[in-house]
Amino acid sequence: MLEVNKLNCKIDENTILSDVSFKILSGEICAIIGGSGAGKTTILRILCGLEQRFTGSVLVDNKKIEKGTNYFGLVPQGYSLFNHFTAMDNVAYALRKVKKYSRQQACDIATESLTKFGLKDKLDCYPSKLSGGQKQRVAIARTIVMEPKILLFDEPTSALDPEVTRDVIETIRTLSTTGIPILVVTHDIPMARRVATHVIFLDNGIIIEDCSGKEFFANPRSDRVKCFLNENI
């Protein structure tokens, strides 16, 4: 379980987040949505330890996570693969450098993970030879092998065609069945509607709505959310 309590972030004179609090339970897929500048990416940066200018607390499984401690696995927008590494080496690299596995151990784990994501025949391919959807699956496999307690996605369907988007949605749903809490930051409202069991709507750094996905899309409470949905669906 992920629990965020009274998260505040102010950068220079700009207030980015104001008393942001929420919980994500095991197996939930939570989508954080909102307009540009709402503070969505800042939440991801704080959770990943990339932004230290904040107050408040973050708990994982009821244990407070100190600044600089990382229990989160991020699948970034744009994949962030090493272009000079094969798919297997992209997945194996952190296992070798962070977990100190031997090359053989890391490659075995990478091969197993990529095979689960339907990429057994792409192990030796470089990113330039992979489709957008295949790159996304390599990025997911790379994150999963590090065994994070919470899985984070930053715009997972950005620039993907509808068929590949369906594959990504199914992958996220499958991952949620393992019990890992999943947080998705997205502008893709149709995708959020299909995949999210829990939705948080953020506006100017403030949570406007926090409810089940079904309730959010069927019966939004605030005029701000109603207007946003009308503009984006």
C-alpha atoms as a PDB file:
ATOM      1  CA  MET A   1       0.000   0.000   0.000  1.00  0.00           C
ATOM      2  CA  LEU A   2       1.143   3.522  -0.804  1.00  0.00           C
ATOM      3  CA  GLU A   3       0.083   6.349   1.489  1.00  0.00           C
ATOM      4  CA  VAL A   4       0.889  10.006   0.799  1.00  0.00           C
ATOM      5  CA  ASN A   5       0.183  12.494   3.581  1.00  0.00           C
ATOM      6  CA  LYS A   6       0.010  16.286   3.258  1.00  0.00           C
ATOM      7  CA  LEU A   7       2.479  16.582   0.423  1.00  0.00           C
ATOM      8  CA  ASN A   8       3.437  20.202  -0.182  1.00  0.00           C
ATOM      9  CA  CYS A   9       5.900  21.423  -2.772  1.00  0.00           C
ATOM     10  CA  LYS A  10       6.953  25.011  -3.414  1.00  0.00           C
ATOM     11  CA  ILE A  11       9.629  25.852  -5.977  1.00  0.00           C
ATOM     12  CA  ASP A  12      10.873  29.432  -5.882  1.00  0.00           C
ATOM     13  CA  GLU A  13       7.648  31.384  -5.427  1.00  0.00           C
ATOM     14  CA  ASN A  14       5.441  28.815  -7.149  1.00  0.00           C
ATOM     15  CA  THR A  15       3.256  26.460  -5.132  1.00  0.00           C
ATOM     16  CA  ILE A  16       3.186  23.163  -7.030  1.00  0.00           C
ATOM     17  CA  LEU A  17       1.371  20.892  -4.546  1.00  0.00           C
ATOM     18  CA  SER A  18      -0.890  21.832  -1.632  1.00  0.00           C
ATOM     19  CA  ASP A  19      -1.700  19.295   1.100  1.00  0.00           C
ATOM     20  CA  VAL A  20      -1.921  16.363  -1.318  1.00  0.00           C
ATOM     21  CA  SER A  21      -2.972  13.167   0.486  1.00  0.00           C
ATOM     22  CA  PHE A  22      -4.089   9.835  -0.967  1.00  0.00           C
ATOM     23  CA  LYS A  23      -3.797   6.070  -0.618  1.00  0.00           C
ATOM     24  CA  ILE A  24      -3.320   3.365  -3.231  1.00  0.00           C
ATOM     25  CA  LEU A  25      -4.074  -0.179  -2.110  1.00  0.00           C
ATOM     26  CA  SER A  26      -2.454  -3.408  -3.244  1.00  0.00           C
ATOM     27  CA  GLY A  27      -3.658  -4.388  -6.700  1.00  0.00           C
ATOM     28  CA  GLU A  28      -5.181  -0.989  -7.448  1.00  0.00           C
ATOM     29  CA  ILE A  29      -4.474   0.868 -10.674  1.00  0.00           C
ATOM     30  CA  CYS A  30      -4.671   4.551  -9.800  1.00  0.00           C
ATOM     31  CA  ALA A  31      -4.665   7.172 -12.537  1.00  0.00           C
ATOM     32  CA  ILE A  32      -3.684  10.727 -11.683  1.00  0.00           C
ATOM     33  CA  ILE A  33      -5.151  13.031 -14.291  1.00  0.00           C
ATOM     34  CA  GLY A  34      -5.512  16.766 -14.742  1.00  0.00           C
ATOM     35  CA  GLY A  35      -4.447  19.587 -17.002  1.00  0.00           C
ATOM     36  CA  SER A  36      -0.895  20.623 -17.799  1.00  0.00           C
ATOM     37  CA  GLY A  37       0.802  22.171 -14.782  1.00  0.00           C
ATOM     38  CA  ALA A  38      -1.529  20.451 -12.332  1.00  0.00           C
ATOM     39  CA  GLY A  39       1.378  18.869 -10.423  1.00  0.00           C
ATOM     40  CA  LYS A  40       1.104  15.283 -11.687  1.00  0.00           C
ATOM     41  CA  THR A  41       4.721  14.900 -12.751  1.00  0.00           C
ATOM     42  CA  THR A  42       5.936  16.535  -9.541  1.00  0.00           C
ATOM     43  CA  ILE A  43       4.281  13.753  -7.546  1.00  0.00           C
ATOM     44  CA  LEU A  44       6.172  11.164  -9.588  1.00  0.00           C
ATOM     45  CA  ARG A  45       9.433  13.051  -9.135  1.00  0.00           C
ATOM     46  CA  ILE A  46       8.954  13.207  -5.371  1.00  0.00           C
ATOM     47  CA  LEU A  47       8.133   9.508  -5.117  1.00  0.00           C
ATOM     48  CA  CYS A  48      11.206   8.603  -7.197  1.00  0.00           C
ATOM     49  CA  GLY A  49      13.493  10.810  -5.154  1.00  0.00           C
ATOM     50  CA  LEU A  50      14.133  13.221  -8.027  1.00  0.00           C
ATOM     51  CA  GLU A  51      12.529  16.180  -6.234  1.00  0.00           C
ATOM     52  CA  GLN A  52      13.566  16.935  -2.648  1.00  0.00           C
ATOM     53  CA  ARG A  53      11.873  20.318  -2.183  1.00  0.00           C
ATOM     54  CA  PHE A  54       8.768  19.110  -0.383  1.00  0.00           C
ATOM     55  CA  THR A  55       7.213  18.525   3.008  1.00  0.00           C
ATOM     56  CA  GLY A  56       4.879  15.743   4.081  1.00  0.00           C
ATOM     57  CA  SER A  57       5.332  12.000   4.311  1.00  0.00           C
ATOM     58  CA  VAL A  58       5.270   8.971   2.057  1.00  0.00           C
ATOM     59  CA  LEU A  59       4.588   5.513   3.485  1.00  0.00           C
ATOM     60  CA  VAL A  60       4.904   2.130   1.792  1.00  0.00           C
ATOM     61  CA  ASP A  61       3.275  -0.763   3.636  1.00  0.00           C
ATOM     62  CA  ASN A  62       2.917   1.551   6.667  1.00  0.00           C
ATOM     63  CA  LYS A  63       6.646   2.315   6.745  1.00  0.00           C
ATOM     64  CA  LYS A  64       7.744   5.918   6.310  1.00  0.00           C
ATOM     65  CA  ILE A  65      10.042   6.354   3.351  1.00  0.00           C
ATOM     66  CA  GLU A  66      12.832   8.819   3.990  1.00  0.00           C
ATOM     67  CA  LYS A  67      14.035  11.254   1.371  1.00  0.00           C
ATOM     68  CA  GLY A  68      16.519   9.531  -0.904  1.00  0.00           C
ATOM     69  CA  THR A  69      15.090   6.054  -0.288  1.00  0.00           C
ATOM     70  CA  ASN A  70      13.592   4.485  -3.373  1.00  0.00           C
ATOM     71  CA  TYR A  71      10.944   1.762  -3.229  1.00  0.00           C
ATOM     72  CA  PHE A  72       9.471   2.804  -6.553  1.00  0.00           C
ATOM     73  CA  GLY A  73       9.913   1.572 -10.095  1.00  0.00           C
ATOM     74  CA  LEU A  74       9.307   4.182 -12.793  1.00  0.00           C
ATOM     75  CA  VAL A  75       8.462   3.399 -16.413  1.00  0.00           C
ATOM     76  CA  PRO A  76       9.301   6.796 -17.940  1.00  0.00           C
ATOM     77  CA  GLN A  77       7.666   8.582 -20.810  1.00  0.00           C
ATOM     78  CA  GLY A  78       9.792   8.037 -23.898  1.00  0.00           C
ATOM     79  CA  TYR A  79      11.166   4.700 -22.603  1.00  0.00           C
ATOM     80  CA  SER A  80      14.709   6.037 -21.860  1.00  0.00           C
ATOM     81  CA  LEU A  81      16.409   2.982 -23.324  1.00  0.00           C
ATOM     82  CA  PHE A  82      20.135   2.909 -24.087  1.00  0.00           C
ATOM     83  CA  ASN A  83      20.341   3.002 -27.873  1.00  0.00           C
ATOM     84  CA  HIS A  84      23.689   1.184 -27.920  1.00  0.00           C
ATOM     85  CA  PHE A  85      22.331  -1.712 -25.804  1.00  0.00           C
ATOM     86  CA  THR A  86      20.211  -4.610 -26.999  1.00  0.00           C
ATOM     87  CA  ALA A  87      16.824  -5.203 -25.397  1.00  0.00           C
ATOM     88  CA  MET A  88      18.382  -7.822 -23.106  1.00  0.00           C
ATOM     89  CA  ASP A  89      21.266  -5.556 -22.089  1.00  0.00           C
ATOM     90  CA  ASN A  90      18.862  -2.690 -21.372  1.00  0.00           C
ATOM     91  CA  VAL A  91      17.023  -4.914 -18.888  1.00  0.00           C
ATOM     92  CA  ALA A  92      20.161  -6.551 -17.459  1.00  0.00           C
ATOM     93  CA  TYR A  93      22.158  -3.357 -16.919  1.00  0.00           C
ATOM     94  CA  ALA A  94      20.617  -2.223 -13.606  1.00  0.00           C
ATOM     95  CA  LEU A  95      20.678  -5.780 -12.267  1.00  0.00           C
ATOM     96  CA  ARG A  96      24.440  -5.800 -12.752  1.00  0.00           C
ATOM     97  CA  LYS A  97      25.153  -2.252 -11.594  1.00  0.00           C
ATOM     98  CA  VAL A  98      22.662  -1.917  -8.730  1.00  0.00           C
ATOM     99  CA  LYS A  99      22.017  -5.463  -7.543  1.00  0.00           C
ATOM    100  CA  LYS A 100      25.553  -6.622  -8.417  1.00  0.00           C
ATOM    101  CA  TYR A 101      24.426  -9.742 -10.250  1.00  0.00           C
ATOM    102  CA  SER A 102      26.877 -11.488 -12.525  1.00  0.00           C
ATOM    103  CA  ARG A 103      26.411 -10.928 -16.232  1.00  0.00           C
ATOM    104  CA  GLN A 104      25.032 -14.446 -16.635  1.00  0.00           C
ATOM    105  CA  GLN A 105      22.557 -14.046 -13.769  1.00  0.00           C
ATOM    106  CA  ALA A 106      21.410 -10.661 -15.057  1.00  0.00           C
ATOM    107  CA  CYS A 107      21.001 -11.925 -18.620  1.00  0.00           C
ATOM    108  CA  ASP A 108      19.041 -14.972 -17.451  1.00  0.00           C
ATOM    109  CA  ILE A 109      16.623 -12.784 -15.479  1.00  0.00           C
ATOM    110  CA  ALA A 110      16.342 -10.298 -18.357  1.00  0.00           C
ATOM    111  CA  THR A 111      15.615 -13.095 -20.818  1.00  0.00           C
ATOM    112  CA  GLU A 112      12.896 -14.510 -18.581  1.00  0.00           C
ATOM    113  CA  SER A 113      11.282 -11.109 -18.098  1.00  0.00           C
ATOM    114  CA  LEU A 114      11.365 -10.143 -21.770  1.00  0.00           C
ATOM    115  CA  THR A 115       9.945 -13.539 -22.714  1.00  0.00           C
ATOM    116  CA  LYS A 116       6.991 -12.940 -20.380  1.00  0.00           C
ATOM    117  CA  PHE A 117       6.333  -9.709 -22.251  1.00  0.00           C
ATOM    118  CA  GLY A 118       6.327 -11.457 -25.612  1.00  0.00           C
ATOM    119  CA  LEU A 119       9.787 -10.327 -26.670  1.00  0.00           C
ATOM    120  CA  LYS A 120      11.687 -13.614 -26.775  1.00  0.00           C
ATOM    121  CA  ASP A 121      12.574 -13.032 -30.438  1.00  0.00           C
ATOM    122  CA  LYS A 122      13.760  -9.451 -29.742  1.00  0.00           C
ATOM    123  CA  LEU A 123      16.437 -10.124 -27.115  1.00  0.00           C
ATOM    124  CA  ASP A 124      19.304  -9.102 -29.392  1.00  0.00           C
ATOM    125  CA  CYS A 125      17.534  -6.206 -31.085  1.00  0.00           C
ATOM    126  CA  TYR A 126      18.595  -2.610 -30.541  1.00  0.00           C
ATOM    127  CA  PRO A 127      15.931   0.026 -29.775  1.00  0.00           C
ATOM    128  CA  SER A 128      16.156   1.378 -33.321  1.00  0.00           C
ATOM    129  CA  LYS A 129      14.793  -1.953 -34.552  1.00  0.00           C
ATOM    130  CA  LEU A 130      11.879  -2.060 -32.114  1.00  0.00           C
ATOM    131  CA  SER A 131       8.390  -0.612 -32.487  1.00  0.00           C
ATOM    132  CA  GLY A 132       7.031   1.869 -29.972  1.00  0.00           C
ATOM    133  CA  GLY A 133       5.038  -0.837 -28.224  1.00  0.00           C
ATOM    134  CA  GLN A 134       8.058  -3.138 -28.054  1.00  0.00           C
ATOM    135  CA  LYS A 135      10.186  -0.362 -26.575  1.00  0.00           C
ATOM    136  CA  GLN A 136       7.474   0.231 -23.985  1.00  0.00           C
ATOM    137  CA  ARG A 137       7.494  -3.443 -23.012  1.00  0.00           C
ATOM    138  CA  VAL A 138      11.287  -3.444 -22.719  1.00  0.00           C
ATOM    139  CA  ALA A 139      11.014  -0.418 -20.408  1.00  0.00           C
ATOM    140  CA  ILE A 140       8.394  -2.203 -18.309  1.00  0.00           C
ATOM    141  CA  ALA A 141      10.500  -5.387 -18.133  1.00  0.00           C
ATOM    142  CA  ARG A 142      13.532  -3.338 -17.074  1.00  0.00           C
ATOM    143  CA  THR A 143      11.537  -1.830 -14.217  1.00  0.00           C
ATOM    144  CA  ILE A 144       9.872  -5.049 -13.064  1.00  0.00           C
ATOM    145  CA  VAL A 145      13.136  -7.017 -12.691  1.00  0.00           C
ATOM    146  CA  MET A 146      14.217  -4.562  -9.974  1.00  0.00           C
ATOM    147  CA  GLU A 147      11.261  -5.783  -7.861  1.00  0.00           C
ATOM    148  CA  PRO A 148       9.801  -2.395  -6.868  1.00  0.00           C
ATOM    149  CA  LYS A 149       7.124  -2.216  -4.186  1.00  0.00           C
ATOM    150  CA  ILE A 150       5.179   0.416  -6.151  1.00  0.00           C
ATOM    151  CA  LEU A 151       5.053   0.704  -9.940  1.00  0.00           C
ATOM    152  CA  LEU A 152       4.837   4.137 -11.560  1.00  0.00           C
ATOM    153  CA  PHE A 153       3.966   4.924 -15.180  1.00  0.00           C
ATOM    154  CA  ASP A 154       4.512   8.340 -16.751  1.00  0.00           C
ATOM    155  CA  GLU A 155       2.269   8.744 -19.820  1.00  0.00           C
ATOM    156  CA  PRO A 156       2.534   5.056 -20.815  1.00  0.00           C
ATOM    157  CA  THR A 157       0.489   5.399 -24.005  1.00  0.00           C
ATOM    158  CA  SER A 158       1.951   8.677 -25.262  1.00  0.00           C
ATOM    159  CA  ALA A 159       2.363   8.588 -29.071  1.00  0.00           C
ATOM    160  CA  LEU A 160       1.254   4.935 -29.312  1.00  0.00           C
ATOM    161  CA  ASP A 161      -1.330   3.820 -31.836  1.00  0.00           C
ATOM    162  CA  PRO A 162      -4.654   2.331 -30.620  1.00  0.00           C
ATOM    163  CA  GLU A 163      -3.612  -1.302 -31.101  1.00  0.00           C
ATOM    164  CA  VAL A 164      -0.417  -0.855 -29.084  1.00  0.00           C
ATOM    165  CA  THR A 165      -2.338   1.133 -26.468  1.00  0.00           C
ATOM    166  CA  ARG A 166      -4.593  -1.896 -25.975  1.00  0.00           C
ATOM    167  CA  ASP A 167      -1.508  -4.057 -25.409  1.00  0.00           C
ATOM    168  CA  VAL A 168      -0.140  -1.630 -22.815  1.00  0.00           C
ATOM    169  CA  ILE A 169      -3.490  -1.556 -21.015  1.00  0.00           C
ATOM    170  CA  GLU A 170      -3.569  -5.346 -20.849  1.00  0.00           C
ATOM    171  CA  THR A 171       0.002  -5.396 -19.572  1.00  0.00           C
ATOM    172  CA  ILE A 172      -0.842  -2.950 -16.781  1.00  0.00           C
ATOM    173  CA  ARG A 173      -3.922  -4.972 -15.848  1.00  0.00           C
ATOM    174  CA  THR A 174      -1.871  -8.172 -15.738  1.00  0.00           C
ATOM    175  CA  LEU A 175       0.751  -6.540 -13.522  1.00  0.00           C
ATOM    176  CA  SER A 176      -1.951  -5.390 -11.094  1.00  0.00           C
ATOM    177  CA  THR A 177      -3.010  -9.018 -10.534  1.00  0.00           C
ATOM    178  CA  THR A 178       0.338  -9.603  -8.796  1.00  0.00           C
ATOM    179  CA  GLY A 179      -0.861  -7.263  -6.044  1.00  0.00           C
ATOM    180  CA  ILE A 180       1.581  -4.447  -6.748  1.00  0.00           C
ATOM    181  CA  PRO A 181       0.008  -0.985  -6.450  1.00  0.00           C
ATOM    182  CA  ILE A 182       0.235   0.890  -9.752  1.00  0.00           C
ATOM    183  CA  LEU A 183       0.176   4.658 -10.213  1.00  0.00           C
ATOM    184  CA  VAL A 184      -0.331   6.022 -13.731  1.00  0.00           C
ATOM    185  CA  VAL A 185       0.080   9.679 -14.664  1.00  0.00           C
ATOM    186  CA  THR A 186      -1.660  10.265 -17.971  1.00  0.00           C
ATOM    187  CA  HIS A 187      -3.293  12.752 -20.328  1.00  0.00           C
ATOM    188  CA  ASP A 188      -4.934   9.818 -22.142  1.00  0.00           C
ATOM    189  CA  ILE A 189      -8.423   9.984 -20.653  1.00  0.00           C
ATOM    190  CA  PRO A 190      -9.906   7.098 -22.704  1.00  0.00           C
ATOM    191  CA  MET A 191      -7.018   4.907 -21.533  1.00  0.00           C
ATOM    192  CA  ALA A 192      -7.560   5.953 -17.907  1.00  0.00           C
ATOM    193  CA  ARG A 193     -11.249   5.142 -18.237  1.00  0.00           C
ATOM    194  CA  ARG A 194     -10.414   1.616 -19.420  1.00  0.00           C
ATOM    195  CA  VAL A 195      -7.658   0.763 -16.976  1.00  0.00           C
ATOM    196  CA  ALA A 196      -8.084   2.772 -13.759  1.00  0.00           C
ATOM    197  CA  THR A 197      -9.794   1.269 -10.731  1.00  0.00           C
ATOM    198  CA  HIS A 198      -9.061   4.473  -8.800  1.00  0.00           C
ATOM    199  CA  VAL A 199      -8.806   8.053 -10.109  1.00  0.00           C
ATOM    200  CA  ILE A 200      -7.310  11.179  -8.594  1.00  0.00           C
ATOM    201  CA  PHE A 201      -8.026  14.476 -10.333  1.00  0.00           C
ATOM    202  CA  LEU A 202      -5.434  17.148  -9.656  1.00  0.00           C
ATOM    203  CA  ASP A 203      -5.911  20.824 -10.441  1.00  0.00           C
ATOM    204  CA  ASN A 204      -3.338  23.517  -9.611  1.00  0.00           C
ATOM    205  CA  GLY A 205      -1.683  21.233  -7.084  1.00  0.00           C
ATOM    206  CA  ILE A 206      -4.901  20.392  -5.233  1.00  0.00           C
ATOM    207  CA  ILE A 207      -6.865  17.139  -5.295  1.00  0.00           C
ATOM    208  CA  ILE A 208     -10.358  17.935  -6.565  1.00  0.00           C
ATOM    209  CA  GLU A 209     -11.687  14.369  -6.689  1.00  0.00           C
ATOM    210  CA  ASP A 210     -10.412  11.039  -5.338  1.00  0.00           C
ATOM    211  CA  CYS A 211     -12.711   8.089  -5.983  1.00  0.00           C
ATOM    212  CA  SER A 212     -13.174   4.839  -7.861  1.00  0.00           C
ATOM    213  CA  GLY A 213     -12.666   4.915 -11.619  1.00  0.00           C
ATOM    214  CA  LYS A 214     -16.270   3.864 -12.193  1.00  0.00           C
ATOM    215  CA  GLU A 215     -17.643   6.669 -10.025  1.00  0.00           C
ATOM    216  CA  PHE A 216     -15.299   9.287 -11.474  1.00  0.00           C
ATOM    217  CA  PHE A 217     -16.287   8.739 -15.079  1.00  0.00           C
ATOM    218  CA  ALA A 218     -19.976   7.947 -14.486  1.00  0.00           C
ATOM    219  CA  ASN A 219     -20.787  10.604 -11.918  1.00  0.00           C
ATOM    220  CA  PRO A 220     -18.151  13.346 -11.521  1.00  0.00           C
ATOM    221  CA  ARG A 221     -19.012  15.625  -8.635  1.00  0.00           C
ATOM    222  CA  SER A 222     -17.233  18.897  -9.366  1.00  0.00           C
ATOM    223  CA  ASP A 223     -17.925  21.295 -12.224  1.00  0.00           C
ATOM    224  CA  ARG A 224     -14.169  21.456 -12.893  1.00  0.00           C
ATOM    225  CA  VAL A 225     -14.009  17.706 -13.543  1.00  0.00           C
ATOM    226  CA  LYS A 226     -17.172  17.728 -15.646  1.00  0.00           C
ATOM    227  CA  CYS A 227     -15.708  20.480 -17.831  1.00  0.00           C
ATOM    228  CA  PHE A 228     -12.371  18.656 -18.131  1.00  0.00           C
ATOM    229  CA  LEU A 229     -14.007  15.405 -19.183  1.00  0.00           C
ATOM    230  CA  ASN A 230     -16.232  17.144 -21.718  1.00  0.00           C
ATOM    231  CA  GLU A 231     -13.148  18.688 -23.302  1.00  0.00           C
ATOM    232  CA  ASN A 232     -11.053  15.513 -23.333  1.00  0.00           C
ATOM    233  CA  ILE A 233     -13.405  12.659 -24.207  1.00  0.00           C
END
